[in-house]
PDB file of N, CA and C in Angstrom:
ATOM      1  N   MET A   1     -54.581 145.444-125.937  1.00  0.00           N
ATOM      2  CA  MET A   1     -55.287 143.765-125.649  1.00  0.00           C
ATOM      3  C   MET A   1     -55.109 143.544-127.411  1.00  0.00           C
ATOM      4  N   ALA A   2     -54.324 142.438-127.370  1.00  0.00           N
ATOM      5  CA  ALA A   2     -53.325 141.648-128.352  1.00  0.00           C
ATOM      6  C   ALA A   2     -54.572 141.006-129.523  1.00  0.00           C
ATOM      7  N   GLU A   3     -54.819 141.079-130.583  1.00  0.00           N
ATOM      8  CA  GLU A   3     -55.461 140.320-131.609  1.00  0.00           C
ATOM      9  C   GLU A   3     -54.613 138.841-131.872  1.00  0.00           C
ATOM     10  N   ILE A   4     -55.999 138.512-131.931  1.00  0.00           N
ATOM     11  CA  ILE A   4     -55.191 136.677-132.245  1.00  0.00           C
ATOM     12  C   ILE A   4     -55.217 136.471-133.993  1.00  0.00           C
ATOM     13  N   ASP A   5     -54.267 135.567-134.230  1.00  0.00           N
ATOM     14  CA  ASP A   5     -54.430 135.572-135.727  1.00  0.00           C
ATOM     15  C   ASP A   5     -55.341 135.027-136.121  1.00  0.00           C
ATOM     16  N   PRO A   6     -55.686 135.236-137.499  1.00  0.00           N
ATOM     17  CA  PRO A   6     -57.179 134.322-137.997  1.00  0.00           C
ATOM     18  C   PRO A   6     -56.752 132.619-138.407  1.00  0.00           C
ATOM     19  N   ALA A   7     -55.734 133.121-138.845  1.00  0.00           N
ATOM     20  CA  ALA A   7     -55.001 131.226-139.175  1.00  0.00           C
ATOM     21  C   ALA A   7     -54.637 130.569-138.070  1.00  0.00           C
ATOM     22  N   PHE A   8     -54.599 131.053-137.045  1.00  0.00           N
ATOM     23  CA  PHE A   8     -54.374 130.163-135.761  1.00  0.00           C
ATOM     24  C   PHE A   8     -55.576 129.806-135.212  1.00  0.00           C
ATOM     25  N   ILE A   9     -56.969 130.729-135.376  1.00  0.00           N
ATOM     26  CA  ILE A   9     -57.872 130.589-135.069  1.00  0.00           C
ATOM     27  C   ILE A   9     -58.938 129.257-136.337  1.00  0.00           C
ATOM     28  N   LYS A  10     -58.070 129.173-137.428  1.00  0.00           N
ATOM     29  CA  LYS A  10     -58.488 128.155-138.073  1.00  0.00           C
ATOM     30  C   LYS A  10     -58.322 126.759-137.865  1.00  0.00           C
ATOM     31  N   GLY A  11     -56.517 126.934-137.746  1.00  0.00           N
ATOM     32  CA  GLY A  11     -55.628 126.050-137.025  1.00  0.00           C
ATOM     33  C   GLY A  11     -56.373 124.835-136.676  1.00  0.00           C
ATOM     34  N   LEU A  12     -57.148 125.741-134.712  1.00  0.00           N
ATOM     35  CA  LEU A  12     -57.329 125.607-133.979  1.00  0.00           C
ATOM     36  C   LEU A  12     -58.736 124.738-133.931  1.00  0.00           C
ATOM     37  N   THR A  13     -59.821 125.218-134.909  1.00  0.00           N
ATOM     38  CA  THR A  13     -61.067 124.723-135.208  1.00  0.00           C
ATOM     39  C   THR A  13     -61.123 123.525-135.987  1.00  0.00           C
ATOM     40  N   ILE A  14     -59.897 123.106-136.388  1.00  0.00           N
ATOM     41  CA  ILE A  14     -59.565 122.147-137.555  1.00  0.00           C
ATOM     42  C   ILE A  14     -59.463 120.915-136.204  1.00  0.00           C
ATOM     43  N   ALA A  15     -58.317 121.214-135.698  1.00  0.00           N
ATOM     44  CA  ALA A  15     -57.621 120.664-134.944  1.00  0.00           C
ATOM     45  C   ALA A  15     -58.935 120.036-133.513  1.00  0.00           C
ATOM     46  N   LEU A  16     -59.614 121.216-132.686  1.00  0.00           N
ATOM     47  CA  LEU A  16     -60.882 120.715-131.748  1.00  0.00           C
ATOM     48  C   LEU A  16     -61.701 120.384-132.870  1.00  0.00           C
ATOM     49  N   GLY A  17     -62.526 120.672-134.405  1.00  0.00           N
ATOM     50  CA  GLY A  17     -63.260 119.673-134.911  1.00  0.00           C
ATOM     51  C   GLY A  17     -62.719 118.044-135.458  1.00  0.00           C
ATOM     52  N   ALA A  18     -61.515 118.103-135.606  1.00  0.00           N
ATOM     53  CA  ALA A  18     -60.793 116.645-136.259  1.00  0.00           C
ATOM     54  C   ALA A  18     -61.445 115.340-134.708  1.00  0.00           C
ATOM     55  N   ILE A  19     -61.279 116.411-133.339  1.00  0.00           N
ATOM     56  CA  ILE A  19     -61.252 115.025-132.189  1.00  0.00           C
ATOM     57  C   ILE A  19     -62.094 114.195-132.144  1.00  0.00           C
ATOM     58  N   GLY A  20     -63.295 114.572-132.259  1.00  0.00           N
ATOM     59  CA  GLY A  20     -64.792 113.984-132.556  1.00  0.00           C
ATOM     60  C   GLY A  20     -64.929 112.915-133.496  1.00  0.00           C
ATOM     61  N   PRO A  21     -64.708 113.366-134.868  1.00  0.00           N
ATOM     62  CA  PRO A  21     -64.366 112.047-135.508  1.00  0.00           C
ATOM     63  C   PRO A  21     -63.515 111.207-135.578  1.00  0.00           C
ATOM     64  N   ALA A  22     -62.080 111.364-134.990  1.00  0.00           N
ATOM     65  CA  ALA A  22     -61.193 110.233-135.030  1.00  0.00           C
ATOM     66  C   ALA A  22     -61.920 109.279-133.905  1.00  0.00           C
ATOM     67  N   ILE A  23     -61.696 109.770-132.399  1.00  0.00           N
ATOM     68  CA  ILE A  23     -62.949 108.994-132.022  1.00  0.00           C
ATOM     69  C   ILE A  23     -63.560 107.853-132.072  1.00  0.00           C
ATOM     70  N   GLY A  24     -64.888 108.604-133.045  1.00  0.00           N
ATOM     71  CA  GLY A  24     -65.462 108.241-133.165  1.00  0.00           C
ATOM     72  C   GLY A  24     -65.242 106.814-134.628  1.00  0.00           C
ATOM     73  N   LEU A  25     -64.153 107.398-135.738  1.00  0.00           N
ATOM     74  CA  LEU A  25     -63.728 106.313-136.137  1.00  0.00           C
ATOM     75  C   LEU A  25     -63.618 105.124-135.269  1.00  0.00           C
ATOM     76  N   GLY A  26     -62.369 105.530-134.521  1.00  0.00           N
ATOM     77  CA  GLY A  26     -62.293 104.588-133.758  1.00  0.00           C
ATOM     78  C   GLY A  26     -62.589 103.613-132.962  1.00  0.00           C
ATOM     79  N   LEU A  27     -63.773 104.133-132.599  1.00  0.00           N
ATOM     80  CA  LEU A  27     -64.901 103.157-132.056  1.00  0.00           C
ATOM     81  C   LEU A  27     -66.166 102.365-133.096  1.00  0.00           C
ATOM     82  N   VAL A  28     -65.776 102.857-133.697  1.00  0.00           N
ATOM     83  CA  VAL A  28     -66.146 102.376-134.940  1.00  0.00           C
ATOM     84  C   VAL A  28     -65.563 100.672-135.590  1.00  0.00           C
ATOM     85  N   GLY A  29     -64.172 101.242-135.669  1.00  0.00           N
ATOM     86  CA  GLY A  29     -63.707 100.068-136.267  1.00  0.00           C
ATOM     87  C   GLY A  29     -63.203  99.460-134.937  1.00  0.00           C
ATOM     88  N   SER A  30     -63.505  99.462-133.559  1.00  0.00           N
ATOM     89  CA  SER A  30     -63.383  98.446-132.665  1.00  0.00           C
ATOM     90  C   SER A  30     -64.471  97.924-132.402  1.00  0.00           C
ATOM     91  N   ALA A  31     -65.386  98.203-132.535  1.00  0.00           N
ATOM     92  CA  ALA A  31     -66.801  97.241-132.560  1.00  0.00           C
ATOM     93  C   ALA A  31     -66.908  97.028-133.190  1.00  0.00           C
ATOM     94  N   ALA A  32     -66.544  97.122-134.817  1.00  0.00           N
ATOM     95  CA  ALA A  32     -66.555  96.157-135.589  1.00  0.00           C
ATOM     96  C   ALA A  32     -65.766  94.931-136.014  1.00  0.00           C
ATOM     97  N   VAL A  33     -64.493  95.179-135.396  1.00  0.00           N
ATOM     98  CA  VAL A  33     -63.898  93.904-135.272  1.00  0.00           C
ATOM     99  C   VAL A  33     -64.133  92.791-134.354  1.00  0.00           C
ATOM    100  N   ARG A  34     -64.195  93.694-133.049  1.00  0.00           N
ATOM    101  CA  ARG A  34     -64.933  92.918-131.599  1.00  0.00           C
ATOM    102  C   ARG A  34     -66.325  91.687-132.687  1.00  0.00           C
ATOM    103  N   SER A  35     -67.197  92.720-132.819  1.00  0.00           N
ATOM    104  CA  SER A  35     -68.250  92.097-133.903  1.00  0.00           C
ATOM    105  C   SER A  35     -67.816  90.680-134.846  1.00  0.00           C
ATOM    106  N   VAL A  36     -66.970  90.723-135.671  1.00  0.00           N
ATOM    107  CA  VAL A  36     -66.366  90.140-136.393  1.00  0.00           C
ATOM    108  C   VAL A  36     -66.120  88.614-135.552  1.00  0.00           C
ATOM    109  N   GLY A  37     -64.827  89.476-134.837  1.00  0.00           N
ATOM    110  CA  GLY A  37     -64.379  87.910-133.930  1.00  0.00           C
ATOM    111  C   GLY A  37     -65.306  87.375-132.987  1.00  0.00           C
ATOM    112  N   ARG A  38     -66.576  87.689-132.417  1.00  0.00           N
ATOM    113  CA  ARG A  38     -67.247  86.661-131.980  1.00  0.00           C
ATOM    114  C   ARG A  38     -68.647  86.019-133.193  1.00  0.00           C
ATOM    115  N   ASN A  39     -69.003  86.690-134.119  1.00  0.00           N
ATOM    116  CA  ASN A  39     -69.604  85.981-135.344  1.00  0.00           C
ATOM    117  C   ASN A  39     -68.630  86.441-136.587  1.00  0.00           C
ATOM    118  N   PRO A  40     -68.261  85.379-137.114  1.00  0.00           N
ATOM    119  CA  PRO A  40     -67.300  85.505-138.622  1.00  0.00           C
ATOM    120  C   PRO A  40     -68.308  85.349-139.790  1.00  0.00           C
ATOM    121  N   GLU A  41     -69.747  84.383-139.193  1.00  0.00           N
ATOM    122  CA  GLU A  41     -70.574  84.597-140.766  1.00  0.00           C
ATOM    123  C   GLU A  41     -70.849  85.652-141.189  1.00  0.00           C
ATOM    124  N   ALA A  42     -71.158  86.738-140.100  1.00  0.00           N
ATOM    125  CA  ALA A  42     -71.981  88.010-140.251  1.00  0.00           C
ATOM    126  C   ALA A  42     -70.362  88.966-140.774  1.00  0.00           C
ATOM    127  N   GLN A  43     -69.490  88.550-140.910  1.00  0.00           N
ATOM    128  CA  GLN A  43     -68.147  89.347-141.583  1.00  0.00           C
ATOM    129  C   GLN A  43     -68.699  90.238-142.444  1.00  0.00           C
ATOM    130  N   SER A  44     -69.433  90.271-143.796  1.00  0.00           N
ATOM    131  CA  SER A  44     -69.460  90.720-144.517  1.00  0.00           C
ATOM    132  C   SER A  44     -70.865  91.745-144.583  1.00  0.00           C
ATOM    133  N   LYS A  45     -71.577  91.730-143.837  1.00  0.00           N
ATOM    134  CA  LYS A  45     -72.858  92.708-143.377  1.00  0.00           C
ATOM    135  C   LYS A  45     -72.443  93.284-142.547  1.00  0.00           C
ATOM    136  N   ILE A  46     -71.578  93.243-141.440  1.00  0.00           N
ATOM    137  CA  ILE A  46     -70.492  93.915-140.095  1.00  0.00           C
ATOM    138  C   ILE A  46     -69.902  94.979-140.919  1.00  0.00           C
ATOM    139  N   LEU A  47     -69.279  94.294-141.757  1.00  0.00           N
ATOM    140  CA  LEU A  47     -68.281  95.705-142.197  1.00  0.00           C
ATOM    141  C   LEU A  47     -68.681  96.280-143.391  1.00  0.00           C
ATOM    142  N   THR A  48     -69.738  95.934-143.806  1.00  0.00           N
ATOM    143  CA  THR A  48     -70.634  97.267-144.655  1.00  0.00           C
ATOM    144  C   THR A  48     -71.261  98.040-144.042  1.00  0.00           C
ATOM    145  N   MET A  49     -71.787  97.254-142.750  1.00  0.00           N
ATOM    146  CA  MET A  49     -72.226  98.419-141.943  1.00  0.00           C
ATOM    147  C   MET A  49     -71.071  99.471-141.316  1.00  0.00           C
ATOM    148  N   ALA A  50     -69.784  98.953-141.037  1.00  0.00           N
ATOM    149  CA  ALA A  50     -69.151  99.375-140.190  1.00  0.00           C
ATOM    150  C   ALA A  50     -68.347 101.207-141.714  1.00  0.00           C
ATOM    151  N   LEU A  51     -68.444  99.992-142.499  1.00  0.00           N
ATOM    152  CA  LEU A  51     -67.689 101.237-143.222  1.00  0.00           C
ATOM    153  C   LEU A  51     -69.354 102.224-143.742  1.00  0.00           C
ATOM    154  N   ILE A  52     -70.070 102.262-143.582  1.00  0.00           N
ATOM    155  CA  ILE A  52     -71.340 103.802-143.781  1.00  0.00           C
ATOM    156  C   ILE A  52     -71.207 104.349-142.850  1.00  0.00           C
ATOM    157  N   MET A  53     -71.158 103.670-141.822  1.00  0.00           N
ATOM    158  CA  MET A  53     -70.760 104.740-140.368  1.00  0.00           C
ATOM    159  C   MET A  53     -69.792 105.507-140.498  1.00  0.00           C
ATOM    160  N   ALA A  54     -68.652 104.747-140.834  1.00  0.00           N
ATOM    161  CA  ALA A  54     -67.380 105.577-140.627  1.00  0.00           C
ATOM    162  C   ALA A  54     -67.683 106.463-141.925  1.00  0.00           C
ATOM    163  N   GLY A  55     -67.788 106.526-143.039  1.00  0.00           N
ATOM    164  CA  GLY A  55     -68.288 107.645-143.634  1.00  0.00           C
ATOM    165  C   GLY A  55     -69.353 108.664-143.163  1.00  0.00           C
ATOM    166  N   LEU A  56     -70.161 108.070-142.316  1.00  0.00           N
ATOM    167  CA  LEU A  56     -71.035 109.133-141.780  1.00  0.00           C
ATOM    168  C   LEU A  56     -70.379 110.169-140.967  1.00  0.00           C
ATOM    169  N   VAL A  57     -69.864 109.475-139.681  1.00  0.00           N
ATOM    170  CA  VAL A  57     -68.538 109.940-139.186  1.00  0.00           C
ATOM    171  C   VAL A  57     -67.742 110.991-139.451  1.00  0.00           C
ATOM    172  N   ASP A  58     -66.943 110.532-140.835  1.00  0.00           N
ATOM    173  CA  ASP A  58     -65.918 111.424-141.540  1.00  0.00           C
ATOM    174  C   ASP A  58     -66.491 112.702-141.746  1.00  0.00           C
ATOM    175  N   ALA A  59     -68.171 112.729-142.385  1.00  0.00           N
ATOM    176  CA  ALA A  59     -69.393 113.530-142.900  1.00  0.00           C
ATOM    177  C   ALA A  59     -68.777 114.965-141.801  1.00  0.00           C
ATOM    178  N   ILE A  60     -69.049 114.613-140.156  1.00  0.00           N
ATOM    179  CA  ILE A  60     -68.579 115.543-139.661  1.00  0.00           C
ATOM    180  C   ILE A  60     -67.247 116.997-139.935  1.00  0.00           C
ATOM    181  N   MET A  61     -65.868 115.676-140.195  1.00  0.00           N
ATOM    182  CA  MET A  61     -64.926 116.153-140.614  1.00  0.00           C
ATOM    183  C   MET A  61     -65.195 117.507-142.134  1.00  0.00           C
ATOM    184  N   VAL A  62     -65.708 116.515-142.255  1.00  0.00           N
ATOM    185  CA  VAL A  62     -65.956 117.996-144.153  1.00  0.00           C
ATOM    186  C   VAL A  62     -66.589 119.015-143.899  1.00  0.00           C
ATOM    187  N   PHE A  63     -67.944 118.373-142.799  1.00  0.00           N
ATOM    188  CA  PHE A  63     -68.325 120.305-141.809  1.00  0.00           C
ATOM    189  C   PHE A  63     -67.634 121.252-141.236  1.00  0.00           C
ATOM    190  N   VAL A  64     -66.489 120.581-141.241  1.00  0.00           N
ATOM    191  CA  VAL A  64     -65.805 121.299-139.840  1.00  0.00           C
ATOM    192  C   VAL A  64     -64.710 122.435-140.875  1.00  0.00           C
ATOM    193  N   LEU A  65     -64.407 120.978-141.920  1.00  0.00           N
ATOM    194  CA  LEU A  65     -63.467 121.980-142.923  1.00  0.00           C
ATOM    195  C   LEU A  65     -64.139 122.423-144.235  1.00  0.00           C
ATOM    196  N   LEU A  66     -65.535 122.370-144.649  1.00  0.00           N
ATOM    197  CA  LEU A  66     -65.868 123.451-144.960  1.00  0.00           C
ATOM    198  C   LEU A  66     -65.937 124.973-144.604  1.00  0.00           C
ATOM    199  N   ILE A  67     -67.035 124.492-143.308  1.00  0.00           N
ATOM    200  CA  ILE A  67     -67.141 125.844-142.548  1.00  0.00           C
ATOM    201  C   ILE A  67     -65.680 126.970-142.552  1.00  0.00           C
ATOM    202  N   VAL A  68     -65.137 126.217-142.409  1.00  0.00           N
ATOM    203  CA  VAL A  68     -63.529 127.183-141.620  1.00  0.00           C
ATOM    204  C   VAL A  68     -62.947 127.713-142.904  1.00  0.00           C
ATOM    205  N   PHE A  69     -62.776 127.333-144.396  1.00  0.00           N
ATOM    206  CA  PHE A  69     -62.713 127.326-145.363  1.00  0.00           C
ATOM    207  C   PHE A  69     -63.562 128.589-146.121  1.00  0.00           C
ATOM    208  N   SER A  70     -64.930 127.915-145.363  1.00  0.00           N
ATOM    209  CA  SER A  70     -65.634 129.078-146.053  1.00  0.00           C
ATOM    210  C   SER A  70     -65.675 130.641-145.710  1.00  0.00           C
ATOM    211  N   THR A  71     -65.397 130.553-144.625  1.00  0.00           N
ATOM    212  CA  THR A  71     -65.512 132.562-144.055  1.00  0.00           C
ATOM    213  C   THR A  71     -63.932 132.892-143.986  1.00  0.00           C
ATOM    214  N   ASN A  72     -63.976 133.831-144.025  1.00  0.00           N
ATOM    215  CA  ASN A  72     -62.984 134.592-143.816  1.00  0.00           C
ATOM    216  C   ASN A  72     -61.958 135.320-142.677  1.00  0.00           C
TER     217      ASN A  72
END
């Protein structure tokens, strides 16, 4: 049986781990823009909440990178 290169596995893990946060950031951004379009007066509150949510979604990618680069 052929051995799989560990670098390939790490790259695949990063790629698969980035799909969720990328979709999440797209959904957060889309919802924020739609919300500001409906209620322009609440722009500062909506964008503040969107930035907080984007940071939480990005934390998932940081955890993926930590796991990948902390393993041998």
